[in-house]
Amino acid sequence: MTETKFTPRVFSGIQPSGNLHLGNYLGALKRFVDMQGPEKETVYCMVDLHAITVWQEPKELAHSTRELCAGFIAAGIDPEQSILFNQSQVPEHTQLAWIFNCVARMGWMQRMTQWKDKAGKNQQNASLGLLAYPSLMAADILVYHATHVPVGDDQKQHLELTRDIAIKFNNDFGVDFFPITEPVIEGAATRVMSLRDGSKKMSKSDPSDMSRINMTDDADTIAKKIRKAKTDPDALPSEVDGLSERPEARNLVNIYAALSNQTTDEVLAEVGGKQFGEFKPMLADLAVAKLSPISTEMARLMGEEAEIDRILAKGADKARAIAAPILRQTYEIVGMVGAKQG
């Protein structure tokens, strides 16, 4: 079997579940922006179908989808350079997901950490969609023959499943049709932690708003949250090893590194020996400079919902131009009659 040469293509998506925060920006949006360029096609998606694996108020879901689109654009995603759309406007995602539901094994799905965490002991009352979520995620990626996916640590297992599904499909049908997608995990702050507890991931579900920087926060709020972030009494070390038992210090240094496009080592070479009373104002100034223009632009875009909807519809058309032929070829391989037509 000759090896297929796939077009270098990046795919990634974020759930529109509201309260876009610094963790989403540094762990995803900023990296998406950095990956734009002539070397790879970039396809970015608001995965609204994934969002409804748990109950969503319809009006809030629509608002969150538009707000997330505004966040993508305000962060630097160019809809003319990248394909930007919401998942539900491209039916090929769910059509391929059904094929993958018949390729994937129940045991694979039941081993997923997120299934265990979210369904917990109440698995019999969890939605079937929550169990099948990783199969749809695989379809999101492979319906574009995506070769690279930027992922956080919490999604690595799902990407491994995507690779397993691609391998099994190719083996079952004796083809080299789906690429074995490569994860892209890089950057100083791919996992941003709570400002109140450095051992917990920054999350919109944390009851304390002071635990996170929301992408809609204004400059004063951003600076206040940095000033009040939990720290320890010791000075910052000059080497990374000195952060190993200091989760809050490590988190703030990682955030500074990610916002300033430096490595953690480079930051510590600059700030080692400083007390937090001196470092926090530096971080606050940097965060305000980088983030407040994004929140301002998001607010402007949210005042033009019709324009957001136009961008999403145009992006969906571009996405379908790639996805539809790949789905048709998949149907042909599987043996679906009529797959060559249309």
Protein backbone atom coordinates (compact mmCIF):
# COMPACT_ATOMS: atom_id res chain seq x y z
CA MET A 1 0.00 0.00 0.00
CA THR A 2 1.45 3.37 -1.00
CA GLU A 3 1.60 5.92 1.77
CA THR A 4 -0.76 8.85 1.28
CA LYS A 5 0.73 12.33 1.50
CA PHE A 6 -1.69 14.51 3.43
CA THR A 7 -1.92 18.29 3.17
CA PRO A 8 -0.56 19.82 6.41
CA ARG A 9 -3.72 20.96 8.16
CA VAL A 10 -4.40 22.04 11.75
CA PHE A 11 -7.79 21.50 13.39
CA SER A 12 -8.91 22.45 16.87
CA GLY A 13 -12.11 23.44 18.61
CA ILE A 14 -13.38 24.94 21.85
CA GLN A 15 -16.75 24.37 23.51
CA PRO A 16 -18.94 27.48 23.67
CA SER A 17 -19.82 27.01 27.30
CA GLY A 18 -19.41 30.64 28.37
CA ASN A 19 -16.90 32.53 30.49
CA LEU A 20 -13.89 32.40 28.19
CA HIS A 21 -10.88 32.87 30.47
CA LEU A 22 -7.09 33.23 30.52
CA GLY A 23 -6.61 29.46 30.50
CA ASN A 24 -8.56 29.23 27.22
CA TYR A 25 -6.51 32.07 25.76
CA LEU A 26 -3.04 30.81 26.70
CA GLY A 27 -3.83 27.13 26.34
CA ALA A 28 -5.68 27.46 23.05
CA LEU A 29 -6.48 30.79 21.36
CA LYS A 30 -2.99 32.28 21.51
CA ARG A 31 -1.53 29.06 20.12
CA PHE A 32 -4.15 28.97 17.37
CA VAL A 33 -3.11 32.48 16.33
CA ASP A 34 0.57 31.51 16.34
CA MET A 35 -0.14 28.54 14.05
CA GLN A 36 -1.70 30.70 11.33
CA GLY A 37 0.55 31.01 8.32
CA PRO A 38 1.40 29.62 4.89
CA GLU A 39 2.93 26.38 6.20
CA LYS A 40 -0.39 24.80 7.26
CA GLU A 41 -4.10 25.28 6.65
CA THR A 42 -5.80 26.19 9.93
CA VAL A 43 -9.39 25.13 10.74
CA TYR A 44 -10.89 26.37 14.01
CA CYS A 45 -14.30 25.47 15.34
CA MET A 46 -16.81 26.34 18.06
CA VAL A 47 -17.90 22.81 18.99
CA ASP A 48 -21.50 23.55 19.93
CA LEU A 49 -22.58 19.91 19.43
CA HIS A 50 -20.10 18.83 22.10
CA ALA A 51 -21.49 21.48 24.43
CA ILE A 52 -24.94 19.85 24.53
CA THR A 53 -23.61 16.56 25.96
CA VAL A 54 -24.69 18.32 29.16
CA TRP A 55 -27.76 20.56 29.35
CA GLN A 56 -27.42 24.05 27.85
CA GLU A 57 -30.01 26.82 27.92
CA PRO A 58 -30.65 27.51 24.20
CA LYS A 59 -30.34 31.30 24.41
CA GLU A 60 -27.17 31.02 26.49
CA LEU A 61 -25.67 28.53 24.04
CA ALA A 62 -26.31 30.88 21.12
CA HIS A 63 -24.80 33.81 23.07
CA SER A 64 -21.78 31.75 24.15
CA THR A 65 -21.17 30.58 20.57
CA ARG A 66 -21.11 34.16 19.28
CA GLU A 67 -19.00 35.31 22.23
CA LEU A 68 -16.48 32.55 21.57
CA CYS A 69 -16.33 33.56 17.90
CA ALA A 70 -15.69 37.14 19.03
CA GLY A 71 -12.92 35.82 21.29
CA PHE A 72 -11.27 33.95 18.42
CA ILE A 73 -11.25 37.05 16.23
CA ALA A 74 -10.25 39.49 18.99
CA ALA A 75 -7.34 37.20 19.91
CA GLY A 76 -6.03 37.40 16.35
CA ILE A 77 -7.69 34.65 14.31
CA ASP A 78 -8.23 36.07 10.82
CA PRO A 79 -11.37 34.57 9.20
CA GLU A 80 -9.82 35.24 5.78
CA GLN A 81 -6.67 33.30 6.69
CA SER A 82 -8.19 30.55 8.85
CA ILE A 83 -11.49 28.69 8.50
CA LEU A 84 -13.67 29.73 11.46
CA PHE A 85 -17.13 28.21 12.01
CA ASN A 86 -19.45 26.51 14.47
CA GLN A 87 -19.66 22.74 14.32
CA SER A 88 -23.44 22.36 13.92
CA GLN A 89 -23.38 24.19 10.56
CA VAL A 90 -21.25 21.40 9.04
CA PRO A 91 -23.34 18.17 9.12
CA GLU A 92 -20.40 16.10 7.85
CA HIS A 93 -19.08 16.06 11.44
CA THR A 94 -22.03 14.04 12.74
CA GLN A 95 -22.26 11.90 9.60
CA LEU A 96 -18.66 10.77 9.98
CA ALA A 97 -19.16 10.37 13.74
CA TRP A 98 -21.74 7.64 13.09
CA ILE A 99 -19.23 5.71 10.98
CA PHE A 100 -16.72 6.09 13.80
CA ASN A 101 -19.31 4.96 16.37
CA CYS A 102 -19.31 1.69 14.45
CA VAL A 103 -15.50 1.53 14.36
CA ALA A 104 -14.75 2.46 17.98
CA ARG A 105 -15.24 -0.11 20.75
CA MET A 106 -17.30 0.37 23.90
CA GLY A 107 -14.27 -0.44 26.05
CA TRP A 108 -12.36 2.43 24.46
CA MET A 109 -15.10 4.88 25.36
CA GLN A 110 -15.56 3.61 28.90
CA ARG A 111 -11.85 4.04 29.61
CA MET A 112 -11.94 7.76 28.84
CA THR A 113 -11.02 9.75 31.95
CA GLN A 114 -13.47 12.54 31.14
CA TRP A 115 -16.33 10.03 30.88
CA LYS A 116 -15.44 8.66 34.30
CA ASP A 117 -15.09 12.14 35.79
CA LYS A 118 -18.23 13.69 34.31
CA ALA A 119 -20.54 10.68 34.53
CA GLY A 120 -19.10 9.52 37.86
CA LYS A 121 -21.25 7.00 39.72
CA ASN A 122 -24.31 8.19 37.83
CA GLN A 123 -23.34 6.64 34.48
CA GLN A 124 -26.79 5.15 33.82
CA ASN A 125 -28.29 8.65 33.83
CA ALA A 126 -25.52 10.29 31.77
CA SER A 127 -26.32 11.08 28.14
CA LEU A 128 -25.28 8.73 25.36
CA GLY A 129 -23.71 11.81 23.78
CA LEU A 130 -21.34 12.18 26.73
CA LEU A 131 -20.14 8.60 26.24
CA ALA A 132 -19.80 8.99 22.45
CA TYR A 133 -18.18 12.46 22.71
CA PRO A 134 -14.68 11.21 21.76
CA SER A 135 -16.01 9.58 18.58
CA LEU A 136 -17.47 12.91 17.46
CA MET A 137 -14.19 14.59 18.39
CA ALA A 138 -12.37 12.11 16.15
CA ALA A 139 -14.79 12.97 13.35
CA ASP A 140 -14.22 16.70 13.91
CA ILE A 141 -10.53 16.16 13.26
CA LEU A 142 -10.52 13.48 10.60
CA VAL A 143 -13.31 14.89 8.41
CA TYR A 144 -10.65 17.48 7.44
CA HIS A 145 -7.80 14.95 7.28
CA ALA A 146 -6.18 17.16 9.92
CA THR A 147 -2.53 16.27 10.44
CA HIS A 148 -1.94 18.33 13.60
CA VAL A 149 -4.10 19.22 16.60
CA PRO A 150 -3.00 21.64 19.34
CA VAL A 151 -4.26 20.10 22.57
CA GLY A 152 -4.00 20.61 26.29
CA ASP A 153 -3.00 17.83 28.66
CA ASP A 154 -6.65 17.06 29.41
CA GLN A 155 -7.39 16.23 25.77
CA LYS A 156 -4.38 14.03 25.01
CA GLN A 157 -6.33 10.85 25.73
CA HIS A 158 -9.06 11.84 23.28
CA LEU A 159 -6.49 12.50 20.57
CA GLU A 160 -4.95 9.09 21.23
CA LEU A 161 -8.44 7.64 20.67
CA THR A 162 -8.70 9.60 17.40
CA ARG A 163 -5.47 7.97 16.29
CA ASP A 164 -6.78 4.53 17.33
CA ILE A 165 -9.97 5.07 15.33
CA ALA A 166 -8.02 6.17 12.25
CA ILE A 167 -5.71 3.15 12.49
CA LYS A 168 -8.59 0.71 12.96
CA PHE A 169 -10.59 2.20 10.07
CA ASN A 170 -7.56 2.04 7.75
CA ASN A 171 -6.82 -1.53 8.82
CA ASP A 172 -10.44 -2.72 8.64
CA PHE A 173 -10.89 -1.47 5.09
CA GLY A 174 -7.32 -1.98 3.84
CA VAL A 175 -6.78 1.69 3.00
CA ASP A 176 -4.41 4.50 3.92
CA PHE A 177 -7.21 7.04 4.03
CA PHE A 178 -7.19 8.79 7.42
CA PRO A 179 -3.99 10.42 8.72
CA ILE A 180 -2.57 9.49 12.13
CA THR A 181 -2.96 12.94 13.59
CA GLU A 182 -0.08 14.41 15.60
CA PRO A 183 -0.71 16.28 18.87
CA VAL A 184 0.90 19.70 19.27
CA ILE A 185 1.60 20.34 22.97
CA GLU A 186 3.89 23.25 23.65
CA GLY A 187 4.27 26.54 25.49
CA ALA A 188 4.89 27.58 29.07
CA ALA A 189 1.23 27.83 30.10
CA THR A 190 -0.62 25.10 28.24
CA ARG A 191 -2.29 24.35 31.59
CA VAL A 192 -3.15 27.54 33.47
CA MET A 193 -4.01 27.09 37.14
CA SER A 194 -6.38 28.91 39.47
CA LEU A 195 -5.21 32.23 40.90
CA ARG A 196 -6.54 31.09 44.29
CA ASP A 197 -5.14 27.53 44.28
CA GLY A 198 -2.15 26.61 42.14
CA SER A 199 -3.00 22.89 42.34
CA LYS A 200 -6.34 23.31 40.49
CA LYS A 201 -6.88 24.15 36.84
CA MET A 202 -8.34 27.60 36.08
CA SER A 203 -12.02 26.98 35.45
CA LYS A 204 -15.21 28.86 34.71
CA SER A 205 -17.01 26.57 37.19
CA ASP A 206 -14.95 27.76 40.17
CA PRO A 207 -17.38 29.68 42.44
CA SER A 208 -14.78 32.41 43.01
CA ASP A 209 -14.49 34.87 40.14
CA MET A 210 -11.12 35.89 41.64
CA SER A 211 -9.76 32.45 40.67
CA ARG A 212 -9.65 33.33 36.98
CA ILE A 213 -9.15 36.18 34.55
CA ASN A 214 -12.11 36.32 32.21
CA MET A 215 -11.48 37.47 28.66
CA THR A 216 -14.29 39.98 29.18
CA ASP A 217 -12.60 41.57 32.25
CA ASP A 218 -11.56 45.21 31.92
CA ALA A 219 -8.07 46.49 32.68
CA ASP A 220 -8.78 47.40 36.32
CA THR A 221 -10.30 43.98 37.05
CA ILE A 222 -7.37 42.15 35.44
CA ALA A 223 -4.86 44.13 37.51
CA LYS A 224 -6.86 43.61 40.73
CA LYS A 225 -7.04 39.82 40.23
CA ILE A 226 -3.28 39.61 39.63
CA ARG A 227 -2.54 41.71 42.73
CA LYS A 228 -4.77 39.48 44.88
CA ALA A 229 -3.55 36.16 43.42
CA LYS A 230 -2.39 33.68 46.06
CA THR A 231 1.39 33.48 46.52
CA ASP A 232 3.91 32.43 49.17
CA PRO A 233 6.33 34.54 51.27
CA ASP A 234 9.56 33.53 49.53
CA ALA A 235 11.40 35.37 46.77
CA LEU A 236 11.26 34.00 43.25
CA PRO A 237 14.02 31.50 42.43
CA SER A 238 16.53 31.91 39.60
CA GLU A 239 16.03 28.36 38.30
CA VAL A 240 12.98 26.26 37.38
CA ASP A 241 13.75 23.60 40.01
CA GLY A 242 13.02 26.19 42.67
CA LEU A 243 9.35 26.25 41.61
CA SER A 244 8.75 22.51 41.99
CA GLU A 245 7.06 22.72 45.41
CA ARG A 246 5.55 26.18 44.85
CA PRO A 247 2.42 25.76 42.68
CA GLU A 248 1.16 29.35 42.94
CA ALA A 249 4.59 30.82 42.14
CA ARG A 250 5.01 28.40 39.24
CA ASN A 251 1.60 29.35 37.85
CA LEU A 252 2.27 33.10 37.89
CA VAL A 253 5.72 32.66 36.35
CA ASN A 254 4.26 30.42 33.63
CA ILE A 255 1.57 32.99 32.87
CA TYR A 256 4.22 35.72 32.61
CA ALA A 257 6.31 33.51 30.31
CA ALA A 258 3.37 32.70 28.04
CA LEU A 259 2.19 36.33 27.80
CA SER A 260 5.72 37.59 27.09
CA ASN A 261 6.60 34.76 24.63
CA GLN A 262 9.54 33.67 26.79
CA THR A 263 10.56 30.38 28.35
CA THR A 264 10.24 29.91 32.09
CA ASP A 265 14.04 29.88 32.32
CA GLU A 266 14.24 33.26 30.57
CA VAL A 267 11.67 34.77 32.93
CA LEU A 268 13.45 33.48 36.04
CA ALA A 269 16.76 34.84 34.77
CA GLU A 270 15.02 38.24 34.72
CA VAL A 271 12.98 38.09 37.94
CA GLY A 272 14.88 35.63 40.16
CA GLY A 273 15.35 37.12 43.62
CA LYS A 274 12.36 39.47 43.36
CA GLN A 275 9.59 39.37 45.94
CA PHE A 276 5.99 39.05 44.76
CA GLY A 277 5.39 42.66 45.76
CA GLU A 278 7.68 43.59 42.88
CA PHE A 279 6.77 40.77 40.46
CA LYS A 280 2.98 41.06 40.63
CA PRO A 281 2.88 44.66 39.29
CA MET A 282 5.11 43.53 36.41
CA LEU A 283 2.71 40.67 35.64
CA ALA A 284 -0.35 42.91 36.04
CA ASP A 285 1.04 45.48 33.59
CA LEU A 286 1.88 42.75 31.08
CA ALA A 287 -1.53 41.07 31.43
CA VAL A 288 -3.39 44.35 31.00
CA ALA A 289 -1.30 45.27 27.94
CA LYS A 290 -1.96 41.88 26.29
CA LEU A 291 -5.52 41.15 27.39
CA SER A 292 -7.49 44.38 27.73
CA PRO A 293 -7.38 45.11 23.95
CA ILE A 294 -8.90 41.66 23.42
CA SER A 295 -11.76 42.28 25.87
CA THR A 296 -12.41 45.68 24.27
CA GLU A 297 -12.55 44.17 20.78
CA MET A 298 -14.78 41.31 21.98
CA ALA A 299 -17.26 43.84 23.35
CA ARG A 300 -17.27 45.70 20.02
CA LEU A 301 -17.84 42.52 18.03
CA MET A 302 -20.66 41.39 20.32
CA GLY A 303 -22.44 44.58 19.37
CA GLU A 304 -22.52 43.30 15.77
CA GLU A 305 -24.12 39.86 16.03
CA ALA A 306 -25.20 39.84 12.39
CA GLU A 307 -21.55 40.21 11.35
CA ILE A 308 -20.52 37.32 13.62
CA ASP A 309 -23.25 35.15 12.09
CA ARG A 310 -22.08 36.07 8.59
CA ILE A 311 -18.48 35.11 9.44
CA LEU A 312 -19.61 31.76 10.88
CA ALA A 313 -21.78 30.96 7.86
CA LYS A 314 -18.98 31.84 5.43
CA GLY A 315 -16.55 29.72 7.46
CA ALA A 316 -19.00 26.79 7.42
CA ASP A 317 -19.16 26.96 3.62
CA LYS A 318 -15.36 26.81 3.44
CA ALA A 319 -15.29 23.93 5.94
CA ARG A 320 -17.85 21.93 3.96
CA ALA A 321 -15.82 22.36 0.79
CA ILE A 322 -13.10 20.28 2.49
CA ALA A 323 -15.28 17.95 4.57
CA ALA A 324 -17.89 16.88 2.01
CA PRO A 325 -15.48 15.16 -0.44
CA ILE A 326 -13.72 13.38 2.45
CA LEU A 327 -17.06 12.13 3.79
CA ARG A 328 -18.11 10.95 0.30
CA GLN A 329 -14.86 9.01 -0.05
CA THR A 330 -15.41 7.50 3.41
CA TYR A 331 -18.89 6.34 2.38
CA GLU A 332 -17.48 4.82 -0.81
CA ILE A 333 -14.85 2.92 1.21
CA VAL A 334 -17.51 1.62 3.62
CA GLY A 335 -19.80 0.57 0.75
CA MET A 336 -22.62 3.09 0.95
CA VAL A 337 -24.61 3.05 -2.32
CA GLY A 338 -24.87 6.45 -3.99
CA ALA A 339 -21.84 7.87 -2.23
CA LYS A 340 -20.27 8.93 -5.54
CA GLN A 341 -23.20 11.12 -6.47
CA GLY A 342 -23.71 14.75 -5.55
